[in-house]
Amino acid sequence: MKYSALFEDEDDVFLGSPVSKLMDIVFTANNDVVRFDLENFIRHRAAMEMLLNEHLGDDFHEKVQRHIVENRDEVETKMKSLCIELMGEIVSKSE
């Protein structure tokens, strides 16, 4: 998904960065909803790490770190979109 329009002027849209707004939501939303969505997020991360290890070998952490450094802007954009996605999951279940 492309959320580039949302990131052009973060302060106007979010009154903070997507990461800071996610933290606000995590600490104020329904605890059960937050736990459920964070567990799903961690489960997804665990599966991705297993796949990376399987396909890239034991040194996949170094390869991931190198990718972060070499693709900083794209990684930051993806990180913001993941925060927005997780916020949406939590907020939609908390209403």
Protein backbone atom coordinates (compact mmCIF):
# COMPACT_ATOMS: atom_id res chain seq x y z
CA MET A 1 0.00 0.00 0.00
CA LYS A 2 1.09 3.56 -0.69
CA TYR A 3 0.47 6.09 2.06
CA SER A 4 2.87 8.71 0.72
CA ALA A 5 0.28 11.49 0.85
CA LEU A 6 -0.16 10.89 4.56
CA PHE A 7 3.55 11.42 5.21
CA GLU A 8 3.99 14.71 3.37
CA ASP A 9 3.15 16.75 6.46
CA GLU A 10 2.88 14.33 9.37
CA ASP A 11 2.26 16.98 12.00
CA ASP A 12 -0.91 18.22 10.28
CA VAL A 13 -2.44 14.77 9.80
CA PHE A 14 -1.31 12.91 12.93
CA LEU A 15 -0.21 15.64 15.34
CA GLY A 16 2.92 13.52 15.63
CA SER A 17 4.61 10.71 13.79
CA PRO A 18 2.83 7.42 13.04
CA VAL A 19 5.13 5.74 15.57
CA SER A 20 4.25 8.19 18.35
CA LYS A 21 0.53 7.94 17.56
CA LEU A 22 0.76 4.13 17.63
CA MET A 23 2.34 4.37 21.09
CA ASP A 24 -0.49 6.66 22.22
CA ILE A 25 -3.06 4.16 20.99
CA VAL A 26 -1.25 1.16 22.50
CA PHE A 27 -1.27 2.79 25.92
CA THR A 28 -4.86 4.06 25.81
CA ALA A 29 -6.85 1.44 23.85
CA ASN A 30 -8.55 -1.60 25.27
CA ASN A 31 -5.83 -3.78 26.81
CA ASP A 32 -7.27 -7.05 25.46
CA VAL A 33 -7.42 -5.67 21.92
CA VAL A 34 -3.85 -4.36 22.12
CA ARG A 35 -2.57 -7.68 23.50
CA PHE A 36 -4.34 -9.62 20.72
CA ASP A 37 -2.98 -7.43 17.93
CA LEU A 38 0.54 -7.27 19.38
CA GLU A 39 0.58 -11.07 19.73
CA ASN A 40 -0.48 -11.38 16.08
CA PHE A 41 2.21 -8.88 15.08
CA ILE A 42 4.88 -10.80 17.00
CA ARG A 43 3.66 -14.13 15.58
CA HIS A 44 3.94 -12.68 12.07
CA ARG A 45 7.44 -11.38 12.84
CA ALA A 46 8.49 -14.79 14.19
CA ALA A 47 7.28 -16.53 11.04
CA MET A 48 9.08 -14.00 8.83
CA GLU A 49 12.32 -14.48 10.77
CA MET A 50 12.01 -18.24 10.38
CA LEU A 51 11.50 -17.83 6.63
CA LEU A 52 14.43 -15.43 6.36
CA ASN A 53 16.66 -17.82 8.26
CA GLU A 54 15.55 -20.66 6.00
CA HIS A 55 16.19 -18.69 2.79
CA LEU A 56 19.12 -16.46 3.77
CA GLY A 57 20.91 -18.54 6.39
CA ASP A 58 22.00 -17.84 9.92
CA ASP A 59 23.47 -14.44 9.08
CA PHE A 60 20.12 -13.03 7.95
CA HIS A 61 20.20 -10.47 10.80
CA GLU A 62 23.29 -8.86 9.27
CA LYS A 63 21.66 -8.90 5.83
CA VAL A 64 18.54 -7.28 7.25
CA GLN A 65 20.60 -4.63 9.02
CA ARG A 66 22.51 -3.88 5.81
CA HIS A 67 19.19 -3.61 3.95
CA ILE A 68 17.93 -1.11 6.55
CA VAL A 69 21.03 1.04 6.12
CA GLU A 70 21.04 0.84 2.33
CA ASN A 71 17.30 1.48 1.96
CA ARG A 72 16.64 3.84 4.86
CA ASP A 73 13.90 5.92 3.23
CA GLU A 74 11.95 2.92 1.95
CA VAL A 75 12.27 1.17 5.31
CA GLU A 76 11.02 4.29 7.13
CA THR A 77 8.04 4.52 4.77
CA LYS A 78 7.21 0.84 5.32
CA MET A 79 7.58 1.27 9.07
CA LYS A 80 5.11 4.16 9.01
CA SER A 81 2.61 2.17 6.96
CA LEU A 82 2.90 -0.76 9.39
CA CYS A 83 2.21 1.60 12.29
CA ILE A 84 -0.86 2.94 10.50
CA GLU A 85 -2.03 -0.60 9.75
CA LEU A 86 -1.61 -1.69 13.38
CA MET A 87 -3.34 1.48 14.62
CA GLY A 88 -6.25 0.73 12.32
CA GLU A 89 -6.53 -2.82 13.62
CA ILE A 90 -6.52 -1.69 17.25
CA VAL A 91 -8.85 1.27 16.80
CA SER A 92 -11.39 -0.65 14.71
CA LYS A 93 -11.68 -3.33 17.40
CA SER A 94 -11.78 -0.83 20.26
CA GLU A 95 -14.88 1.03 19.12
